[in-house]
């Protein structure tokens, strides 16, 4: 169904900081996650209170090694504060070569860009899918293991959220992590869907293998809303629990529509938490 509608000091374990809500929001812990021989950095937000909390792991989108468009720390903070304020642990892991992990391993966006420059779109598609199924997935599996090891995480109530490239990755992670309660993907493959038949086929396969409820979100002026409609159609055929939300045009460009997750939190917040509350409730 559907409705149109530099800051941080990096340390090698957990750094417990003052999490009290202030003018800037909840202060996250800076953490390190071992992924193979790499030491990846992440930011971990925790809500006020004690005991166990439902938890979210976030799969960020493509972040180039030299990225002048995105501010990954600010973007993570926008989401971290929204979810902590709603009583969720929120974990944003920066995968190899990206954000706080820029000095650990090779950046997937750089690999894809180089493949395109050297051999064209078909080679980029090949590298993209290879990254999604290997190194990038491996990093997120390590991140999931870390999140579940935290004493405040309710391991029976964990969900995955992803954006863009990370939306595709979130579906593959959900395929691997069968016990998560729900998946929310913003603009999954919004940029690459129309350009990569192999990616389309792989995501449809993932949808067939996913058992938990899925929420798919686009702005109407995203690079493409075809991922949402196609995945929705497949899940309808399979009688799988899901929601598709196509929000009205956001901003004045496809890029701005694609960035709804960060700049339009007030637009999607109520719908996303209604979905999460339904499928992650105790």
C-alpha atoms as a PDB file:
ATOM      1  CA  UNK A   1       0.000   0.000   0.000  1.00  0.00           C
ATOM      2  CA  UNK A   2       1.131   3.555  -0.461  1.00  0.00           C
ATOM      3  CA  UNK A   3       0.198   7.125   0.251  1.00  0.00           C
ATOM      4  CA  UNK A   4       1.128  10.036  -1.997  1.00  0.00           C
ATOM      5  CA  UNK A   5       1.298  12.383   0.154  1.00  0.00           C
ATOM      6  CA  UNK A   6      36.262  18.933  13.823  1.00  0.00           C
ATOM      7  CA  UNK A   7      35.233  18.041  16.600  1.00  0.00           C
ATOM      8  CA  UNK A   8      35.579  14.686  18.236  1.00  0.00           C
ATOM      9  CA  UNK A   9      38.423  13.138  20.160  1.00  0.00           C
ATOM     10  CA  UNK A  10      38.486   9.509  19.030  1.00  0.00           C
ATOM     11  CA  UNK A  11      39.260   6.918  21.648  1.00  0.00           C
ATOM     12  CA  UNK A  12      39.489   3.179  21.489  1.00  0.00           C
ATOM     13  CA  UNK A  13      36.526   1.967  23.496  1.00  0.00           C
ATOM     14  CA  UNK A  14      33.478   3.705  24.799  1.00  0.00           C
ATOM     15  CA  UNK A  15      33.704   7.312  25.847  1.00  0.00           C
ATOM     16  CA  UNK A  16      30.870   8.032  28.234  1.00  0.00           C
ATOM     17  CA  UNK A  17      29.959  11.697  27.930  1.00  0.00           C
ATOM     18  CA  UNK A  18      27.280  13.901  29.402  1.00  0.00           C
ATOM     19  CA  UNK A  19      24.058  12.758  27.722  1.00  0.00           C
ATOM     20  CA  UNK A  20      21.810  15.354  29.290  1.00  0.00           C
ATOM     21  CA  UNK A  21      19.598  17.120  26.797  1.00  0.00           C
ATOM     22  CA  UNK A  22      21.029  20.566  26.113  1.00  0.00           C
ATOM     23  CA  UNK A  23      20.567  23.240  23.459  1.00  0.00           C
ATOM     24  CA  UNK A  24      22.322  21.054  20.892  1.00  0.00           C
ATOM     25  CA  UNK A  25      20.500  17.866  21.860  1.00  0.00           C
ATOM     26  CA  UNK A  26      21.780  14.600  23.317  1.00  0.00           C
ATOM     27  CA  UNK A  27      25.564  14.237  23.292  1.00  0.00           C
ATOM     28  CA  UNK A  28      26.551  10.903  21.706  1.00  0.00           C
ATOM     29  CA  UNK A  29      29.252   8.513  22.815  1.00  0.00           C
ATOM     30  CA  UNK A  30      32.088   8.068  20.335  1.00  0.00           C
ATOM     31  CA  UNK A  31      32.796   4.362  19.909  1.00  0.00           C
ATOM     32  CA  UNK A  32      35.100   2.035  17.993  1.00  0.00           C
ATOM     33  CA  UNK A  33      33.911  -1.110  16.213  1.00  0.00           C
ATOM     34  CA  UNK A  34      36.289  -3.793  15.003  1.00  0.00           C
ATOM     35  CA  UNK A  35      35.480  -4.933  11.454  1.00  0.00           C
ATOM     36  CA  UNK A  36      38.132  -7.396  10.342  1.00  0.00           C
ATOM     37  CA  UNK A  37      41.405  -5.513  10.773  1.00  0.00           C
ATOM     38  CA  UNK A  38      39.697  -2.119  10.634  1.00  0.00           C
ATOM     39  CA  UNK A  39      38.765   0.043  13.617  1.00  0.00           C
ATOM     40  CA  UNK A  40      35.632   1.868  12.537  1.00  0.00           C
ATOM     41  CA  UNK A  41      34.218   4.852  14.431  1.00  0.00           C
ATOM     42  CA  UNK A  42      30.599   5.432  15.253  1.00  0.00           C
ATOM     43  CA  UNK A  43      28.306   7.659  17.286  1.00  0.00           C
ATOM     44  CA  UNK A  44      25.943   6.169  19.844  1.00  0.00           C
ATOM     45  CA  UNK A  45      22.980   8.104  21.217  1.00  0.00           C
ATOM     46  CA  UNK A  46      21.141   6.914  24.318  1.00  0.00           C
ATOM     47  CA  UNK A  47      17.889   8.275  25.723  1.00  0.00           C
ATOM     48  CA  UNK A  48      17.492   9.474  29.291  1.00  0.00           C
ATOM     49  CA  UNK A  49      16.748   6.871  31.900  1.00  0.00           C
ATOM     50  CA  UNK A  50      18.006   3.457  32.912  1.00  0.00           C
ATOM     51  CA  UNK A  51      17.303  -0.070  31.832  1.00  0.00           C
ATOM     52  CA  UNK A  52      17.018  -1.532  28.346  1.00  0.00           C
ATOM     53  CA  UNK A  53      15.898   0.466  25.319  1.00  0.00           C
ATOM     54  CA  UNK A  54      14.795  -0.460  21.802  1.00  0.00           C
ATOM     55  CA  UNK A  55      17.631   0.272  19.400  1.00  0.00           C
ATOM     56  CA  UNK A  56      18.225   1.490  15.850  1.00  0.00           C
ATOM     57  CA  UNK A  57      21.266   0.891  13.683  1.00  0.00           C
ATOM     58  CA  UNK A  58      21.656   3.395  10.842  1.00  0.00           C
ATOM     59  CA  UNK A  59      23.164   2.648   7.417  1.00  0.00           C
ATOM     60  CA  UNK A  60      24.338   5.971   5.988  1.00  0.00           C
ATOM     61  CA  UNK A  61      24.406   6.692   2.273  1.00  0.00           C
ATOM     62  CA  UNK A  62      27.403   7.225   0.023  1.00  0.00           C
ATOM     63  CA  UNK A  63      30.037   9.510   1.500  1.00  0.00           C
ATOM     64  CA  UNK A  64      33.015  10.230  -0.738  1.00  0.00           C
ATOM     65  CA  UNK A  65      36.506  10.397   0.699  1.00  0.00           C
ATOM     66  CA  UNK A  66      36.536  14.115  -0.087  1.00  0.00           C
ATOM     67  CA  UNK A  67      32.870  15.045   0.321  1.00  0.00           C
ATOM     68  CA  UNK A  68      31.874  18.697   0.140  1.00  0.00           C
ATOM     69  CA  UNK A  69      28.125  18.052  -0.139  1.00  0.00           C
ATOM     70  CA  UNK A  70      27.416  16.094   3.012  1.00  0.00           C
ATOM     71  CA  UNK A  71      28.221  16.860   6.613  1.00  0.00           C
ATOM     72  CA  UNK A  72      27.994  13.303   7.985  1.00  0.00           C
ATOM     73  CA  UNK A  73      28.368  14.324  11.627  1.00  0.00           C
ATOM     74  CA  UNK A  74      25.592  16.885  11.406  1.00  0.00           C
ATOM     75  CA  UNK A  75      23.337  14.486   9.493  1.00  0.00           C
ATOM     76  CA  UNK A  76      23.871  11.723  12.040  1.00  0.00           C
ATOM     77  CA  UNK A  77      23.191  14.168  14.864  1.00  0.00           C
ATOM     78  CA  UNK A  78      19.891  15.262  13.329  1.00  0.00           C
ATOM     79  CA  UNK A  79      18.677  11.671  13.389  1.00  0.00           C
ATOM     80  CA  UNK A  80      20.325  10.660  16.645  1.00  0.00           C
ATOM     81  CA  UNK A  81      18.538  13.370  18.577  1.00  0.00           C
ATOM     82  CA  UNK A  82      15.145  12.577  17.017  1.00  0.00           C
ATOM     83  CA  UNK A  83      15.397   8.917  17.993  1.00  0.00           C
ATOM     84  CA  UNK A  84      16.924   9.445  21.450  1.00  0.00           C
ATOM     85  CA  UNK A  85      14.142  11.890  22.220  1.00  0.00           C
ATOM     86  CA  UNK A  86      11.659   9.126  21.348  1.00  0.00           C
ATOM     87  CA  UNK A  87      13.307   6.658  23.716  1.00  0.00           C
ATOM     88  CA  UNK A  88      15.499   4.761  21.241  1.00  0.00           C
ATOM     89  CA  UNK A  89      19.192   4.014  21.254  1.00  0.00           C
ATOM     90  CA  UNK A  90      20.501   5.224  17.888  1.00  0.00           C
ATOM     91  CA  UNK A  91      23.787   3.942  16.473  1.00  0.00           C
ATOM     92  CA  UNK A  92      25.378   5.557  13.408  1.00  0.00           C
ATOM     93  CA  UNK A  93      28.393   3.532  12.315  1.00  0.00           C
ATOM     94  CA  UNK A  94      30.695   5.172   9.783  1.00  0.00           C
ATOM     95  CA  UNK A  95      31.754   2.434   7.407  1.00  0.00           C
ATOM     96  CA  UNK A  96      35.255   2.069   5.999  1.00  0.00           C
ATOM     97  CA  UNK A  97      36.664   5.195   4.382  1.00  0.00           C
ATOM     98  CA  UNK A  98      33.671   7.363   5.340  1.00  0.00           C
ATOM     99  CA  UNK A  99      33.063  10.106   7.906  1.00  0.00           C
ATOM    100  CA  UNK A 100      34.843   9.421  11.183  1.00  0.00           C
ATOM    101  CA  UNK A 101      36.249   6.216   9.628  1.00  0.00           C
ATOM    102  CA  UNK A 102      37.801   7.993   6.635  1.00  0.00           C
ATOM    103  CA  UNK A 103      41.285   6.739   7.527  1.00  0.00           C
ATOM    104  CA  UNK A 104      40.176   3.120   7.866  1.00  0.00           C
ATOM    105  CA  UNK A 105      40.004   1.178   4.626  1.00  0.00           C
ATOM    106  CA  UNK A 106      38.879   2.232   1.151  1.00  0.00           C
ATOM    107  CA  UNK A 107      35.781   4.346   0.564  1.00  0.00           C
ATOM    108  CA  UNK A 108      33.102   2.593  -1.505  1.00  0.00           C
ATOM    109  CA  UNK A 109      32.044   5.809  -3.242  1.00  0.00           C
ATOM    110  CA  UNK A 110      35.584   6.424  -4.406  1.00  0.00           C
ATOM    111  CA  UNK A 111      35.763   2.857  -5.740  1.00  0.00           C
ATOM    112  CA  UNK A 112      32.514   3.330  -7.654  1.00  0.00           C
ATOM    113  CA  UNK A 113      33.587   6.719  -9.022  1.00  0.00           C
ATOM    114  CA  UNK A 114      36.916   5.322 -10.197  1.00  0.00           C
ATOM    115  CA  UNK A 115      35.196   2.363 -11.854  1.00  0.00           C
ATOM    116  CA  UNK A 116      32.891   4.723 -13.732  1.00  0.00           C
ATOM    117  CA  UNK A 117      35.768   6.936 -14.920  1.00  0.00           C
ATOM    118  CA  UNK A 118      37.824   3.980 -16.100  1.00  0.00           C
ATOM    119  CA  UNK A 119      35.206   1.677 -17.622  1.00  0.00           C
ATOM    120  CA  UNK A 120      31.778   3.306 -17.490  1.00  0.00           C
ATOM    121  CA  UNK A 121      28.397   2.671 -15.881  1.00  0.00           C
ATOM    122  CA  UNK A 122      28.388  -1.108 -16.164  1.00  0.00           C
ATOM    123  CA  UNK A 123      31.634  -1.374 -14.224  1.00  0.00           C
ATOM    124  CA  UNK A 124      30.339   1.048 -11.607  1.00  0.00           C
ATOM    125  CA  UNK A 125      27.256  -1.133 -11.191  1.00  0.00           C
ATOM    126  CA  UNK A 126      29.469  -4.176 -10.726  1.00  0.00           C
ATOM    127  CA  UNK A 127      31.617  -2.503  -8.079  1.00  0.00           C
ATOM    128  CA  UNK A 128      28.562  -1.091  -6.293  1.00  0.00           C
ATOM    129  CA  UNK A 129      26.910  -4.489  -5.931  1.00  0.00           C
ATOM    130  CA  UNK A 130      30.189  -6.112  -4.926  1.00  0.00           C
ATOM    131  CA  UNK A 131      30.643  -3.523  -2.175  1.00  0.00           C
ATOM    132  CA  UNK A 132      27.086  -3.942  -0.924  1.00  0.00           C
ATOM    133  CA  UNK A 133      27.469  -7.705  -0.671  1.00  0.00           C
ATOM    134  CA  UNK A 134      30.973  -7.779   0.845  1.00  0.00           C
ATOM    135  CA  UNK A 135      32.868  -5.009   2.647  1.00  0.00           C
ATOM    136  CA  UNK A 136      29.930  -2.711   3.352  1.00  0.00           C
ATOM    137  CA  UNK A 137      27.733  -5.539   4.611  1.00  0.00           C
ATOM    138  CA  UNK A 138      30.604  -6.893   6.703  1.00  0.00           C
ATOM    139  CA  UNK A 139      30.987  -3.502   8.408  1.00  0.00           C
ATOM    140  CA  UNK A 140      27.282  -3.326   9.241  1.00  0.00           C
ATOM    141  CA  UNK A 141      27.220  -6.890  10.584  1.00  0.00           C
ATOM    142  CA  UNK A 142      30.094  -5.896  12.883  1.00  0.00           C
ATOM    143  CA  UNK A 143      28.133  -2.799  13.878  1.00  0.00           C
ATOM    144  CA  UNK A 144      25.057  -4.864  14.656  1.00  0.00           C
ATOM    145  CA  UNK A 145      27.086  -7.203  16.847  1.00  0.00           C
ATOM    146  CA  UNK A 146      28.493  -4.202  18.698  1.00  0.00           C
ATOM    147  CA  UNK A 147      25.063  -2.640  19.218  1.00  0.00           C
ATOM    148  CA  UNK A 148      23.628  -5.866  20.598  1.00  0.00           C
ATOM    149  CA  UNK A 149      26.546  -6.162  23.016  1.00  0.00           C
ATOM    150  CA  UNK A 150      25.671  -2.893  24.758  1.00  0.00           C
ATOM    151  CA  UNK A 151      24.137  -3.435  28.186  1.00  0.00           C
ATOM    152  CA  UNK A 152      21.340  -0.896  27.558  1.00  0.00           C
ATOM    153  CA  UNK A 153      20.262  -2.460  24.251  1.00  0.00           C
ATOM    154  CA  UNK A 154      17.098  -4.536  24.274  1.00  0.00           C
ATOM    155  CA  UNK A 155      18.349  -7.134  21.825  1.00  0.00           C
ATOM    156  CA  UNK A 156      14.806  -8.347  21.174  1.00  0.00           C
ATOM    157  CA  UNK A 157      13.768  -4.928  19.869  1.00  0.00           C
ATOM    158  CA  UNK A 158      16.244  -3.779  17.241  1.00  0.00           C
ATOM    159  CA  UNK A 159      15.441  -2.129  13.893  1.00  0.00           C
ATOM    160  CA  UNK A 160      17.473  -1.070  10.862  1.00  0.00           C
ATOM    161  CA  UNK A 161      17.215   2.297   9.115  1.00  0.00           C
ATOM    162  CA  UNK A 162      19.034   3.170   5.901  1.00  0.00           C
ATOM    163  CA  UNK A 163      19.288   5.975   3.381  1.00  0.00           C
ATOM    164  CA  UNK A 164      20.116   5.858  -0.352  1.00  0.00           C
ATOM    165  CA  UNK A 165      23.061   3.444  -0.837  1.00  0.00           C
ATOM    166  CA  UNK A 166      22.552   2.698   2.843  1.00  0.00           C
ATOM    167  CA  UNK A 167      18.898   1.939   2.129  1.00  0.00           C
ATOM    168  CA  UNK A 168      19.983  -0.813  -0.232  1.00  0.00           C
ATOM    169  CA  UNK A 169      22.495  -1.966   2.367  1.00  0.00           C
ATOM    170  CA  UNK A 170      19.806  -1.968   5.067  1.00  0.00           C
ATOM    171  CA  UNK A 171      17.759  -4.466   3.042  1.00  0.00           C
ATOM    172  CA  UNK A 172      20.769  -6.761   2.653  1.00  0.00           C
ATOM    173  CA  UNK A 173      21.536  -6.434   6.359  1.00  0.00           C
ATOM    174  CA  UNK A 174      17.922  -7.315   7.196  1.00  0.00           C
ATOM    175  CA  UNK A 175      18.238 -10.363   4.959  1.00  0.00           C
ATOM    176  CA  UNK A 176      21.217 -11.430   7.102  1.00  0.00           C
ATOM    177  CA  UNK A 177      19.873 -10.366  10.524  1.00  0.00           C
ATOM    178  CA  UNK A 178      16.627 -12.306  10.598  1.00  0.00           C
ATOM    179  CA  UNK A 179      15.730 -11.356  14.181  1.00  0.00           C
ATOM    180  CA  UNK A 180      15.420  -7.590  13.760  1.00  0.00           C
ATOM    181  CA  UNK A 181      11.903  -6.292  14.273  1.00  0.00           C
ATOM    182  CA  UNK A 182      11.551  -3.791  11.423  1.00  0.00           C
ATOM    183  CA  UNK A 183      13.347  -2.003   8.581  1.00  0.00           C
ATOM    184  CA  UNK A 184      12.851   1.580   7.385  1.00  0.00           C
ATOM    185  CA  UNK A 185      14.517   2.640   4.140  1.00  0.00           C
ATOM    186  CA  UNK A 186      14.640   6.196   2.833  1.00  0.00           C
ATOM    187  CA  UNK A 187      15.235   6.589  -0.923  1.00  0.00           C
ATOM    188  CA  UNK A 188      16.684   3.074  -1.300  1.00  0.00           C
ATOM    189  CA  UNK A 189      18.752   3.013  -4.502  1.00  0.00           C
ATOM    190  CA  UNK A 190      17.028   6.249  -5.466  1.00  0.00           C
ATOM    191  CA  UNK A 191      19.977   7.373  -7.562  1.00  0.00           C
ATOM    192  CA  UNK A 192      21.089   3.999  -8.969  1.00  0.00           C
ATOM    193  CA  UNK A 193      17.855   2.059  -9.507  1.00  0.00           C
ATOM    194  CA  UNK A 194      17.240   3.128 -13.091  1.00  0.00           C
ATOM    195  CA  UNK A 195      20.919   2.687 -13.968  1.00  0.00           C
ATOM    196  CA  UNK A 196      21.656  -0.754 -12.523  1.00  0.00           C
ATOM    197  CA  UNK A 197      19.634  -3.861 -13.457  1.00  0.00           C
ATOM    198  CA  UNK A 198      21.850  -6.049 -11.211  1.00  0.00           C
ATOM    199  CA  UNK A 199      21.070  -3.867  -8.189  1.00  0.00           C
ATOM    200  CA  UNK A 200      17.331  -4.016  -8.906  1.00  0.00           C
ATOM    201  CA  UNK A 201      17.447  -7.793  -9.136  1.00  0.00           C
ATOM    202  CA  UNK A 202      19.471  -8.115  -5.932  1.00  0.00           C
ATOM    203  CA  UNK A 203      17.120  -5.913  -3.902  1.00  0.00           C
ATOM    204  CA  UNK A 204      14.081  -7.813  -5.131  1.00  0.00           C
ATOM    205  CA  UNK A 205      15.777 -11.013  -4.018  1.00  0.00           C
ATOM    206  CA  UNK A 206      16.432  -9.478  -0.600  1.00  0.00           C
ATOM    207  CA  UNK A 207      12.770  -8.496  -0.305  1.00  0.00           C
ATOM    208  CA  UNK A 208      11.775 -12.096  -0.986  1.00  0.00           C
ATOM    209  CA  UNK A 209      14.006 -13.253   1.872  1.00  0.00           C
ATOM    210  CA  UNK A 210      13.042 -10.608   4.444  1.00  0.00           C
ATOM    211  CA  UNK A 211      10.438 -11.623   7.011  1.00  0.00           C
ATOM    212  CA  UNK A 212      10.130  -8.489   9.140  1.00  0.00           C
ATOM    213  CA  UNK A 213       7.917  -5.466   8.279  1.00  0.00           C
ATOM    214  CA  UNK A 214       9.464  -2.929   5.899  1.00  0.00           C
ATOM    215  CA  UNK A 215       8.702   0.774   5.472  1.00  0.00           C
ATOM    216  CA  UNK A 216       9.834   2.442   2.234  1.00  0.00           C
ATOM    217  CA  UNK A 217      10.002   6.237   1.962  1.00  0.00           C
ATOM    218  CA  UNK A 218      10.555   8.645  -0.932  1.00  0.00           C
ATOM    219  CA  UNK A 219       9.885  12.270  -1.647  1.00  0.00           C
ATOM    220  CA  UNK A 220       7.994  12.716  -4.905  1.00  0.00           C
ATOM    221  CA  UNK A 221      10.968  14.563  -6.430  1.00  0.00           C
ATOM    222  CA  UNK A 222      13.572  11.961  -5.456  1.00  0.00           C
ATOM    223  CA  UNK A 223      15.967  10.930  -8.235  1.00  0.00           C
ATOM    224  CA  UNK A 224      13.568   8.035  -8.766  1.00  0.00           C
ATOM    225  CA  UNK A 225      10.556   6.680  -6.897  1.00  0.00           C
ATOM    226  CA  UNK A 226      10.645   3.484  -8.947  1.00  0.00           C
ATOM    227  CA  UNK A 227      12.406   1.578  -6.154  1.00  0.00           C
ATOM    228  CA  UNK A 228       9.500   2.248  -3.819  1.00  0.00           C
ATOM    229  CA  UNK A 229       6.795   1.262  -6.274  1.00  0.00           C
ATOM    230  CA  UNK A 230       8.630  -1.852  -7.489  1.00  0.00           C
ATOM    231  CA  UNK A 231       9.497  -3.129  -4.011  1.00  0.00           C
ATOM    232  CA  UNK A 232       5.947  -2.352  -2.884  1.00  0.00           C
ATOM    233  CA  UNK A 233       4.550  -4.353  -5.785  1.00  0.00           C
ATOM    234  CA  UNK A 234       6.769  -7.320  -4.983  1.00  0.00           C
ATOM    235  CA  UNK A 235       5.799  -7.258  -1.295  1.00  0.00           C
ATOM    236  CA  UNK A 236       2.143  -7.055  -2.239  1.00  0.00           C
ATOM    237  CA  UNK A 237       2.544 -10.160  -4.399  1.00  0.00           C
ATOM    238  CA  UNK A 238       4.257 -11.959  -1.528  1.00  0.00           C
ATOM    239  CA  UNK A 239       1.666 -10.749   1.021  1.00  0.00           C
ATOM    240  CA  UNK A 240       4.400  -9.287   3.193  1.00  0.00           C
ATOM    241  CA  UNK A 241       3.795  -6.597   5.802  1.00  0.00           C
ATOM    242  CA  UNK A 242       5.027  -3.244   4.561  1.00  0.00           C
ATOM    243  CA  UNK A 243       4.224   0.432   4.077  1.00  0.00           C
ATOM    244  CA  UNK A 244       5.145   2.684   1.161  1.00  0.00           C
ATOM    245  CA  UNK A 245       5.080   6.443   1.736  1.00  0.00           C
ATOM    246  CA  UNK A 246       5.606   8.836  -1.156  1.00  0.00           C
ATOM    247  CA  UNK A 247       5.654  12.335   0.309  1.00  0.00           C
ATOM    248  CA  UNK A 248       5.023  15.490  -1.749  1.00  0.00           C
ATOM    249  CA  UNK A 249       7.884  17.257  -3.459  1.00  0.00           C
ATOM    250  CA  UNK A 250      10.507  18.378  -0.958  1.00  0.00           C
ATOM    251  CA  UNK A 251      12.808  21.249  -1.865  1.00  0.00           C
ATOM    252  CA  UNK A 252      13.529  22.379  -5.398  1.00  0.00           C
ATOM    253  CA  UNK A 253      15.692  19.598  -6.786  1.00  0.00           C
ATOM    254  CA  UNK A 254      16.088  15.846  -6.929  1.00  0.00           C
ATOM    255  CA  UNK A 255      19.027  16.187  -4.564  1.00  0.00           C
ATOM    256  CA  UNK A 256      16.879  17.962  -1.985  1.00  0.00           C
ATOM    257  CA  UNK A 257      14.099  15.418  -2.396  1.00  0.00           C
ATOM    258  CA  UNK A 258      16.653  12.666  -1.894  1.00  0.00           C
ATOM    259  CA  UNK A 259      17.736  14.357   1.346  1.00  0.00           C
ATOM    260  CA  UNK A 260      14.258  14.341   2.915  1.00  0.00           C
ATOM    261  CA  UNK A 261      15.511  12.082   5.704  1.00  0.00           C
ATOM    262  CA  UNK A 262      17.733  14.833   7.117  1.00  0.00           C
ATOM    263  CA  UNK A 263      16.015  18.095   6.235  1.00  0.00           C
ATOM    264  CA  UNK A 264      12.406  16.923   6.502  1.00  0.00           C
ATOM    265  CA  UNK A 265      12.309  15.115   9.839  1.00  0.00           C
ATOM    266  CA  UNK A 266       9.055  16.859  10.821  1.00  0.00           C
ATOM    267  CA  UNK A 267       7.427  15.479   7.679  1.00  0.00           C
ATOM    268  CA  UNK A 268       8.145  11.814   8.296  1.00  0.00           C
ATOM    269  CA  UNK A 269       8.632  11.621  12.060  1.00  0.00           C
ATOM    270  CA  UNK A 270       5.056  10.790  13.088  1.00  0.00           C
ATOM    271  CA  UNK A 271       4.646   8.151  10.367  1.00  0.00           C
ATOM    272  CA  UNK A 272       7.953   6.428  11.051  1.00  0.00           C
ATOM    273  CA  UNK A 273       7.401   6.230  14.796  1.00  0.00           C
ATOM    274  CA  UNK A 274       3.854   4.990  14.302  1.00  0.00           C
ATOM    275  CA  UNK A 275       5.335   2.188  12.196  1.00  0.00           C
ATOM    276  CA  UNK A 276       8.120   1.436  14.684  1.00  0.00           C
ATOM    277  CA  UNK A 277       5.801   1.570  17.675  1.00  0.00           C
ATOM    278  CA  UNK A 278       3.517  -0.960  16.036  1.00  0.00           C
ATOM    279  CA  UNK A 279       6.199  -3.498  15.192  1.00  0.00           C
ATOM    280  CA  UNK A 280       8.686  -2.905  18.007  1.00  0.00           C
ATOM    281  CA  UNK A 281       6.194  -2.626  20.829  1.00  0.00           C
ATOM    282  CA  UNK A 282       6.660  -4.725  23.928  1.00  0.00           C
END
